[in-house]
Amino acid sequence: MIHKSAYVEDCNIGEGTKIWHFCHLFNSIIGKNCTIGQNVVIGPKVVIGNGCKIQNNVSVYQGVTLEDNVFCGPSVVFTNVYNPRAHIKRIDEIRTTLVKKGATLGANCTIICGVTIGKYAFVGAGSVVTKDVPDYTMVYGNPAKIIKKISIEFEINEKQIN
């Protein structure tokens, strides 16, 4: 399902994916059974796994990869150049960001480019992630700091559901 107000160009979109109002997706790969909320921008050259949910007002830029079952809360911010300047072209300085399987990114968090968010990690709302987040870890704050380890039951329960 692609809403009539969405603009989709040169994308490979998996079966069962829903793309809502006012989205712009270009030159990217979107997995199966994803939900893309309204006013989302994805691309170019972005890879999004199966079962991802991207809430309203998120922009996923070149250099970002979301593995399967990643949740991006409303207004999550991804960057892709560490020190952008309007008057200096830095497209060749894009730093890659990887969000691993099952991770949750809370509303209004900012992910600084060049980091990896681990499997089933949880980033609290409003946090600013400036360095890697280990698997099964909750982080929160500005800059985000480890709050606690998360049980691997999330992964076990997911396997039982699927």
N, C-alpha and C. Protein backbone atom coordinates (compact mmCIF):
# COMPACT_ATOMS: atom_id res chain seq x y z
N MET A 1 0.85 -1.17 0.00
CA MET A 1 0.00 0.00 0.00
C MET A 1 0.90 1.24 0.00
N ILE A 2 0.73 2.07 -1.00
CA ILE A 2 1.44 3.35 -1.07
C ILE A 2 0.39 4.44 -1.20
N HIS A 3 0.34 5.34 -0.22
CA HIS A 3 -0.65 6.42 -0.27
C HIS A 3 -0.42 7.28 -1.50
N LYS A 4 -1.51 7.79 -2.06
CA LYS A 4 -1.43 8.56 -3.30
C LYS A 4 -0.61 9.85 -3.16
N SER A 5 -0.42 10.35 -1.94
CA SER A 5 0.37 11.57 -1.76
C SER A 5 1.87 11.28 -1.60
N ALA A 6 2.23 10.01 -1.51
CA ALA A 6 3.65 9.63 -1.36
C ALA A 6 4.34 9.68 -2.72
N TYR A 7 5.63 9.98 -2.69
CA TYR A 7 6.45 10.00 -3.91
C TYR A 7 7.51 8.91 -3.75
N VAL A 8 7.43 7.89 -4.60
CA VAL A 8 8.36 6.76 -4.52
C VAL A 8 9.03 6.60 -5.88
N GLU A 9 10.37 6.64 -5.87
CA GLU A 9 11.13 6.58 -7.12
C GLU A 9 12.31 5.62 -6.97
N ASP A 10 12.40 4.66 -7.90
CA ASP A 10 13.53 3.73 -7.97
C ASP A 10 13.79 3.00 -6.66
N CYS A 11 12.75 2.45 -6.08
CA CYS A 11 12.88 1.68 -4.83
C CYS A 11 12.45 0.25 -5.04
N ASN A 12 13.05 -0.63 -4.28
CA ASN A 12 12.63 -2.02 -4.21
C ASN A 12 11.89 -2.16 -2.88
N ILE A 13 10.57 -2.38 -2.94
CA ILE A 13 9.74 -2.39 -1.75
C ILE A 13 9.14 -3.77 -1.57
N GLY A 14 9.36 -4.34 -0.39
CA GLY A 14 8.87 -5.69 -0.10
C GLY A 14 7.37 -5.76 0.07
N GLU A 15 6.86 -6.96 -0.15
CA GLU A 15 5.43 -7.24 -0.03
C GLU A 15 4.93 -6.92 1.38
N GLY A 16 3.74 -6.33 1.44
CA GLY A 16 3.10 -6.04 2.72
C GLY A 16 3.52 -4.75 3.37
N THR A 17 4.42 -4.01 2.75
CA THR A 17 4.88 -2.73 3.33
C THR A 17 3.84 -1.66 3.06
N LYS A 18 3.62 -0.80 4.06
CA LYS A 18 2.67 0.31 3.96
C LYS A 18 3.42 1.62 4.04
N ILE A 19 3.14 2.51 3.08
CA ILE A 19 3.78 3.82 3.04
C ILE A 19 2.67 4.86 3.09
N TRP A 20 2.72 5.71 4.12
CA TRP A 20 1.63 6.63 4.39
C TRP A 20 1.83 8.00 3.74
N HIS A 21 1.01 8.96 4.14
CA HIS A 21 0.91 10.29 3.53
C HIS A 21 2.25 11.03 3.47
N PHE A 22 2.46 11.75 2.39
CA PHE A 22 3.51 12.76 2.23
C PHE A 22 4.93 12.21 2.40
N CYS A 23 5.13 10.94 2.11
CA CYS A 23 6.47 10.35 2.19
C CYS A 23 7.23 10.57 0.88
N HIS A 24 8.55 10.54 0.99
CA HIS A 24 9.43 10.63 -0.19
C HIS A 24 10.49 9.55 -0.04
N LEU A 25 10.42 8.54 -0.88
CA LEU A 25 11.38 7.44 -0.87
C LEU A 25 12.04 7.38 -2.22
N PHE A 26 13.37 7.30 -2.23
CA PHE A 26 14.06 7.23 -3.52
C PHE A 26 15.33 6.41 -3.43
N ASN A 27 15.53 5.59 -4.49
CA ASN A 27 16.75 4.82 -4.69
C ASN A 27 17.16 4.05 -3.43
N SER A 28 16.23 3.28 -2.86
CA SER A 28 16.48 2.55 -1.63
C SER A 28 15.82 1.18 -1.66
N ILE A 29 16.17 0.35 -0.69
CA ILE A 29 15.58 -0.97 -0.55
C ILE A 29 14.82 -1.00 0.78
N ILE A 30 13.53 -1.33 0.70
CA ILE A 30 12.67 -1.40 1.87
C ILE A 30 12.16 -2.84 1.96
N GLY A 31 12.29 -3.47 3.11
CA GLY A 31 11.91 -4.87 3.28
C GLY A 31 10.41 -5.11 3.30
N LYS A 32 10.06 -6.35 3.60
CA LYS A 32 8.66 -6.77 3.67
C LYS A 32 8.03 -6.33 4.99
N ASN A 33 6.72 -6.11 4.94
CA ASN A 33 5.89 -5.86 6.12
C ASN A 33 6.40 -4.71 7.00
N CYS A 34 6.89 -3.67 6.36
CA CYS A 34 7.29 -2.45 7.08
C CYS A 34 6.13 -1.47 7.11
N THR A 35 6.16 -0.58 8.08
CA THR A 35 5.22 0.53 8.13
C THR A 35 6.02 1.81 8.13
N ILE A 36 5.76 2.65 7.14
CA ILE A 36 6.46 3.93 6.98
C ILE A 36 5.42 5.02 7.24
N GLY A 37 5.55 5.71 8.38
CA GLY A 37 4.58 6.73 8.78
C GLY A 37 4.59 7.95 7.88
N GLN A 38 3.69 8.88 8.15
CA GLN A 38 3.59 10.05 7.28
C GLN A 38 4.80 10.98 7.41
N ASN A 39 5.09 11.66 6.32
CA ASN A 39 6.16 12.66 6.25
C ASN A 39 7.55 12.07 6.52
N VAL A 40 7.78 10.85 6.04
CA VAL A 40 9.07 10.18 6.18
C VAL A 40 9.84 10.33 4.88
N VAL A 41 11.14 10.59 5.00
CA VAL A 41 12.04 10.63 3.85
C VAL A 41 13.04 9.50 3.99
N ILE A 42 13.20 8.71 2.93
CA ILE A 42 14.17 7.61 2.93
C ILE A 42 14.96 7.67 1.63
N GLY A 43 16.28 7.79 1.76
CA GLY A 43 17.13 7.69 0.59
C GLY A 43 18.07 8.85 0.45
N PRO A 44 18.97 8.71 -0.50
CA PRO A 44 19.18 7.58 -1.41
C PRO A 44 20.04 6.50 -0.77
N LYS A 45 20.07 5.35 -1.40
CA LYS A 45 20.98 4.24 -1.05
C LYS A 45 20.83 3.77 0.40
N VAL A 46 19.60 3.76 0.89
CA VAL A 46 19.31 3.29 2.24
C VAL A 46 18.79 1.85 2.15
N VAL A 47 19.13 1.04 3.14
CA VAL A 47 18.61 -0.32 3.22
C VAL A 47 17.83 -0.46 4.53
N ILE A 48 16.58 -0.89 4.39
CA ILE A 48 15.71 -1.09 5.55
C ILE A 48 15.24 -2.53 5.51
N GLY A 49 15.42 -3.26 6.62
CA GLY A 49 15.08 -4.67 6.69
C GLY A 49 13.59 -4.91 6.78
N ASN A 50 13.24 -6.16 6.97
CA ASN A 50 11.85 -6.58 7.09
C ASN A 50 11.28 -6.20 8.45
N GLY A 51 9.97 -5.91 8.47
CA GLY A 51 9.26 -5.70 9.72
C GLY A 51 9.61 -4.43 10.48
N CYS A 52 10.23 -3.47 9.82
CA CYS A 52 10.58 -2.21 10.49
C CYS A 52 9.38 -1.30 10.59
N LYS A 53 9.36 -0.49 11.64
CA LYS A 53 8.30 0.51 11.80
C LYS A 53 8.99 1.85 11.98
N ILE A 54 8.72 2.75 11.03
CA ILE A 54 9.30 4.09 11.07
C ILE A 54 8.14 5.06 11.25
N GLN A 55 8.09 5.68 12.42
CA GLN A 55 6.99 6.58 12.75
C GLN A 55 7.11 7.91 11.99
N ASN A 56 6.15 8.79 12.20
CA ASN A 56 6.06 10.06 11.48
C ASN A 56 7.31 10.93 11.63
N ASN A 57 7.61 11.69 10.58
CA ASN A 57 8.62 12.76 10.59
C ASN A 57 10.05 12.28 10.81
N VAL A 58 10.38 11.12 10.26
CA VAL A 58 11.75 10.59 10.35
C VAL A 58 12.39 10.69 8.97
N SER A 59 13.66 11.10 8.94
CA SER A 59 14.43 11.10 7.69
C SER A 59 15.58 10.11 7.85
N VAL A 60 15.65 9.15 6.93
CA VAL A 60 16.69 8.13 6.95
C VAL A 60 17.56 8.38 5.72
N TYR A 61 18.77 8.88 5.96
CA TYR A 61 19.64 9.34 4.88
C TYR A 61 20.66 8.31 4.45
N GLN A 62 21.28 8.57 3.31
CA GLN A 62 22.34 7.71 2.79
C GLN A 62 23.36 7.41 3.87
N GLY A 63 23.77 6.14 3.93
CA GLY A 63 24.73 5.71 4.93
C GLY A 63 24.08 5.00 6.11
N VAL A 64 22.74 5.06 6.21
CA VAL A 64 22.03 4.43 7.32
C VAL A 64 21.46 3.09 6.85
N THR A 65 21.65 2.06 7.67
CA THR A 65 21.05 0.74 7.43
C THR A 65 20.29 0.34 8.68
N LEU A 66 19.04 -0.07 8.48
CA LEU A 66 18.21 -0.61 9.56
C LEU A 66 18.02 -2.10 9.29
N GLU A 67 18.44 -2.95 10.21
CA GLU A 67 18.20 -4.37 10.05
C GLU A 67 16.74 -4.69 10.36
N ASP A 68 16.36 -5.95 10.39
CA ASP A 68 14.98 -6.37 10.59
C ASP A 68 14.43 -5.92 11.94
N ASN A 69 13.13 -5.59 11.92
CA ASN A 69 12.34 -5.31 13.13
C ASN A 69 12.86 -4.15 13.97
N VAL A 70 13.39 -3.14 13.32
CA VAL A 70 13.82 -1.92 14.01
C VAL A 70 12.61 -0.99 14.15
N PHE A 71 12.49 -0.37 15.31
CA PHE A 71 11.44 0.62 15.55
C PHE A 71 12.08 1.99 15.68
N CYS A 72 11.63 2.94 14.85
CA CYS A 72 12.06 4.34 14.94
C CYS A 72 10.85 5.16 15.38
N GLY A 73 10.91 5.71 16.59
CA GLY A 73 9.82 6.52 17.10
C GLY A 73 9.67 7.82 16.33
N PRO A 74 8.61 8.57 16.63
CA PRO A 74 8.36 9.81 15.92
C PRO A 74 9.55 10.78 16.01
N SER A 75 9.88 11.37 14.89
CA SER A 75 10.88 12.45 14.79
C SER A 75 12.30 12.02 15.18
N VAL A 76 12.62 10.74 15.03
CA VAL A 76 14.01 10.31 15.20
C VAL A 76 14.86 11.02 14.16
N VAL A 77 16.07 11.41 14.55
CA VAL A 77 16.98 12.12 13.64
C VAL A 77 18.23 11.28 13.41
N PHE A 78 18.54 11.04 12.14
CA PHE A 78 19.80 10.42 11.75
C PHE A 78 20.64 11.48 11.06
N THR A 79 21.93 11.52 11.36
CA THR A 79 22.85 12.37 10.59
C THR A 79 23.71 11.46 9.74
N ASN A 80 24.38 12.02 8.73
CA ASN A 80 25.27 11.18 7.94
C ASN A 80 26.63 11.82 7.66
N VAL A 81 26.79 13.08 8.03
CA VAL A 81 28.10 13.75 7.94
C VAL A 81 28.37 14.34 9.33
N TYR A 82 29.57 14.10 9.84
CA TYR A 82 29.88 14.46 11.22
C TYR A 82 29.93 15.97 11.45
N ASN A 83 30.48 16.71 10.51
CA ASN A 83 30.61 18.16 10.69
C ASN A 83 30.14 18.90 9.43
N PRO A 84 28.85 18.90 9.17
CA PRO A 84 28.34 19.51 7.93
C PRO A 84 28.48 21.03 7.92
N ARG A 85 28.70 21.56 6.74
CA ARG A 85 28.74 23.01 6.52
C ARG A 85 28.00 23.30 5.22
N ALA A 86 27.25 24.36 5.20
CA ALA A 86 26.48 24.70 4.01
C ALA A 86 27.38 25.01 2.82
N HIS A 87 28.52 25.61 3.07
CA HIS A 87 29.38 26.08 1.98
C HIS A 87 30.48 25.09 1.59
N ILE A 88 30.53 23.89 2.23
CA ILE A 88 31.54 22.89 1.90
C ILE A 88 30.84 21.60 1.53
N LYS A 89 31.12 21.09 0.32
CA LYS A 89 30.55 19.80 -0.11
C LYS A 89 31.22 18.68 0.65
N ARG A 90 30.41 17.85 1.31
CA ARG A 90 30.98 16.76 2.11
C ARG A 90 30.32 15.42 1.81
N ILE A 91 29.72 15.27 0.63
CA ILE A 91 29.03 14.03 0.29
C ILE A 91 29.97 12.83 0.33
N ASP A 92 31.26 13.06 0.11
CA ASP A 92 32.24 11.96 0.15
C ASP A 92 32.71 11.66 1.58
N GLU A 93 32.15 12.35 2.57
CA GLU A 93 32.52 12.14 3.97
C GLU A 93 31.40 11.47 4.78
N ILE A 94 30.45 10.85 4.08
CA ILE A 94 29.35 10.19 4.77
C ILE A 94 29.89 9.06 5.65
N ARG A 95 29.42 9.03 6.89
CA ARG A 95 29.78 7.96 7.84
C ARG A 95 28.59 7.01 7.97
N THR A 96 28.86 5.74 7.92
CA THR A 96 27.76 4.77 7.97
C THR A 96 27.26 4.57 9.40
N THR A 97 25.96 4.33 9.48
CA THR A 97 25.28 4.05 10.74
C THR A 97 24.52 2.75 10.57
N LEU A 98 24.67 1.85 11.52
CA LEU A 98 23.98 0.56 11.48
C LEU A 98 23.11 0.42 12.73
N VAL A 99 21.84 0.13 12.50
CA VAL A 99 20.92 -0.16 13.60
C VAL A 99 20.55 -1.63 13.46
N LYS A 100 20.99 -2.43 14.42
CA LYS A 100 20.86 -3.88 14.32
C LYS A 100 19.46 -4.36 14.68
N LYS A 101 19.23 -5.61 14.36
CA LYS A 101 17.94 -6.28 14.50
C LYS A 101 17.28 -6.02 15.85
N GLY A 102 15.99 -5.63 15.77
CA GLY A 102 15.16 -5.51 16.96
C GLY A 102 15.38 -4.29 17.82
N ALA A 103 16.27 -3.39 17.41
CA ALA A 103 16.54 -2.19 18.22
C ALA A 103 15.33 -1.25 18.21
N THR A 104 15.20 -0.49 19.29
CA THR A 104 14.15 0.52 19.41
C THR A 104 14.80 1.88 19.63
N LEU A 105 14.38 2.85 18.81
CA LEU A 105 14.87 4.22 18.93
C LEU A 105 13.69 5.08 19.36
N GLY A 106 13.75 5.62 20.58
CA GLY A 106 12.64 6.40 21.13
C GLY A 106 12.42 7.72 20.40
N ALA A 107 11.25 8.29 20.61
CA ALA A 107 10.86 9.54 19.96
C ALA A 107 11.91 10.63 20.18
N ASN A 108 12.16 11.38 19.14
CA ASN A 108 13.03 12.56 19.18
C ASN A 108 14.48 12.27 19.56
N CYS A 109 14.93 11.03 19.46
CA CYS A 109 16.34 10.79 19.72
C CYS A 109 17.15 11.15 18.47
N THR A 110 18.42 11.46 18.67
CA THR A 110 19.32 11.81 17.58
C THR A 110 20.45 10.80 17.54
N ILE A 111 20.70 10.26 16.36
CA ILE A 111 21.76 9.28 16.17
C ILE A 111 22.85 9.94 15.33
N ILE A 112 23.98 10.25 15.97
CA ILE A 112 25.10 10.86 15.26
C ILE A 112 25.74 9.81 14.37
N CYS A 113 26.09 10.17 13.16
CA CYS A 113 26.58 9.21 12.18
C CYS A 113 27.85 8.50 12.64
N GLY A 114 28.03 7.30 12.09
CA GLY A 114 29.22 6.52 12.36
C GLY A 114 29.10 5.56 13.53
N VAL A 115 27.89 5.40 14.08
CA VAL A 115 27.72 4.51 15.23
C VAL A 115 26.97 3.24 14.82
N THR A 116 27.04 2.26 15.70
CA THR A 116 26.26 1.04 15.57
C THR A 116 25.39 0.92 16.82
N ILE A 117 24.10 0.71 16.59
CA ILE A 117 23.16 0.45 17.68
C ILE A 117 22.97 -1.06 17.70
N GLY A 118 23.26 -1.71 18.82
CA GLY A 118 23.27 -3.17 18.91
C GLY A 118 21.91 -3.83 18.83
N LYS A 119 21.94 -5.16 18.69
CA LYS A 119 20.73 -5.97 18.64
C LYS A 119 19.87 -5.74 19.88
N TYR A 120 18.59 -5.48 19.66
CA TYR A 120 17.59 -5.31 20.70
C TYR A 120 17.93 -4.21 21.71
N ALA A 121 18.83 -3.31 21.32
CA ALA A 121 19.14 -2.16 22.17
C ALA A 121 17.93 -1.25 22.22
N PHE A 122 17.89 -0.40 23.24
CA PHE A 122 16.79 0.53 23.43
C PHE A 122 17.37 1.91 23.70
N VAL A 123 17.06 2.87 22.83
CA VAL A 123 17.53 4.25 23.00
C VAL A 123 16.34 5.07 23.50
N GLY A 124 16.47 5.66 24.69
CA GLY A 124 15.38 6.42 25.29
C GLY A 124 15.03 7.67 24.51
N ALA A 125 13.79 8.09 24.65
CA ALA A 125 13.30 9.29 23.96
C ALA A 125 14.17 10.49 24.27
N GLY A 126 14.47 11.28 23.25
CA GLY A 126 15.22 12.52 23.40
C GLY A 126 16.72 12.34 23.58
N SER A 127 17.21 11.13 23.55
CA SER A 127 18.64 10.88 23.75
C SER A 127 19.45 11.29 22.53
N VAL A 128 20.74 11.55 22.76
CA VAL A 128 21.68 11.85 21.68
C VAL A 128 22.78 10.79 21.72
N VAL A 129 22.78 9.92 20.71
CA VAL A 129 23.73 8.81 20.66
C VAL A 129 24.97 9.27 19.90
N THR A 130 26.11 9.28 20.60
CA THR A 130 27.37 9.75 20.01
C THR A 130 28.40 8.63 19.85
N LYS A 131 28.09 7.45 20.43
CA LYS A 131 29.01 6.32 20.28
C LYS A 131 28.21 5.02 20.25
N ASP A 132 28.88 3.94 19.90
CA ASP A 132 28.21 2.65 19.74
C ASP A 132 27.43 2.26 20.99
N VAL A 133 26.30 1.58 20.75
CA VAL A 133 25.47 1.04 21.82
C VAL A 133 25.56 -0.49 21.73
N PRO A 134 25.99 -1.16 22.80
CA PRO A 134 26.11 -2.62 22.75
C PRO A 134 24.76 -3.32 22.59
N ASP A 135 24.81 -4.58 22.15
CA ASP A 135 23.61 -5.41 22.08
C ASP A 135 22.94 -5.46 23.45
N TYR A 136 21.60 -5.56 23.46
CA TYR A 136 20.81 -5.76 24.68
C TYR A 136 21.10 -4.73 25.77
N THR A 137 21.18 -3.48 25.36
CA THR A 137 21.51 -2.41 26.30
C THR A 137 20.53 -1.26 26.15
N MET A 138 20.14 -0.65 27.28
CA MET A 138 19.32 0.56 27.26
C MET A 138 20.22 1.75 27.52
N VAL A 139 20.09 2.78 26.67
CA VAL A 139 20.83 4.02 26.87
C VAL A 139 19.86 5.18 26.92
N TYR A 140 20.29 6.25 27.60
CA TYR A 140 19.43 7.43 27.74
C TYR A 140 20.30 8.63 28.05
N GLY A 141 19.88 9.80 27.59
CA GLY A 141 20.52 11.06 27.97
C GLY A 141 21.24 11.74 26.82
N ASN A 142 21.88 12.87 27.16
CA ASN A 142 22.66 13.67 26.21
C ASN A 142 23.99 14.04 26.85
N PRO A 143 25.05 13.33 26.44
CA PRO A 143 25.07 12.21 25.50
C PRO A 143 24.50 10.95 26.15
N ALA A 144 24.03 10.02 25.31
CA ALA A 144 23.42 8.80 25.81
C ALA A 144 24.44 7.97 26.58
N LYS A 145 24.00 7.48 27.74
CA LYS A 145 24.84 6.63 28.60
C LYS A 145 24.08 5.34 28.90
N ILE A 146 24.83 4.29 29.15
CA ILE A 146 24.21 3.01 29.46
C ILE A 146 23.46 3.11 30.78
N ILE A 147 22.20 2.71 30.75
CA ILE A 147 21.35 2.69 31.94
C ILE A 147 21.30 1.28 32.52
N LYS A 148 21.09 0.29 31.64
CA LYS A 148 21.05 -1.09 32.12
C LYS A 148 21.13 -2.05 30.94
N LYS A 149 21.40 -3.29 31.25
CA LYS A 149 21.34 -4.38 30.27
C LYS A 149 19.89 -4.82 30.15
N ILE A 150 19.51 -5.28 28.96
CA ILE A 150 18.16 -5.75 28.70
C ILE A 150 18.22 -7.26 28.53
N SER A 151 17.21 -7.94 29.02
CA SER A 151 17.15 -9.40 28.91
C SER A 151 17.10 -9.84 27.47
N ILE A 152 17.72 -10.96 27.18
CA ILE A 152 17.65 -11.51 25.82
C ILE A 152 16.30 -12.16 25.57
N GLU A 153 15.39 -12.09 26.54
CA GLU A 153 14.05 -12.63 26.33
C GLU A 153 13.35 -12.00 25.15
N PHE A 154 13.70 -10.74 24.82
CA PHE A 154 13.12 -10.08 23.65
C PHE A 154 13.36 -10.94 22.41
N GLU A 155 14.59 -11.40 22.25
CA GLU A 155 14.93 -12.19 21.08
C GLU A 155 14.26 -13.56 21.14
N ILE A 156 14.24 -14.17 22.30
CA ILE A 156 13.61 -15.48 22.46
C ILE A 156 12.12 -15.39 22.16
N ASN A 157 11.44 -14.37 22.72
CA ASN A 157 10.01 -14.20 22.47
C ASN A 157 9.71 -13.96 21.00
N GLU A 158 10.57 -13.20 20.33
CA GLU A 158 10.37 -12.94 18.90
C GLU A 158 10.44 -14.24 18.11
N LYS A 159 11.37 -15.10 18.45
CA LYS A 159 11.50 -16.38 17.75
C LYS A 159 10.24 -17.24 17.96
N GLN A 160 9.64 -17.16 19.13
CA GLN A 160 8.44 -17.93 19.40
C GLN A 160 7.27 -17.38 18.60
N ILE A 161 7.21 -16.06 18.41
CA ILE A 161 6.13 -15.43 17.64
C ILE A 161 6.23 -15.80 16.18
N ASN A 162 7.46 -15.77 15.66
CA ASN A 162 7.66 -16.06 14.23
C ASN A 162 7.69 -17.54 14.05
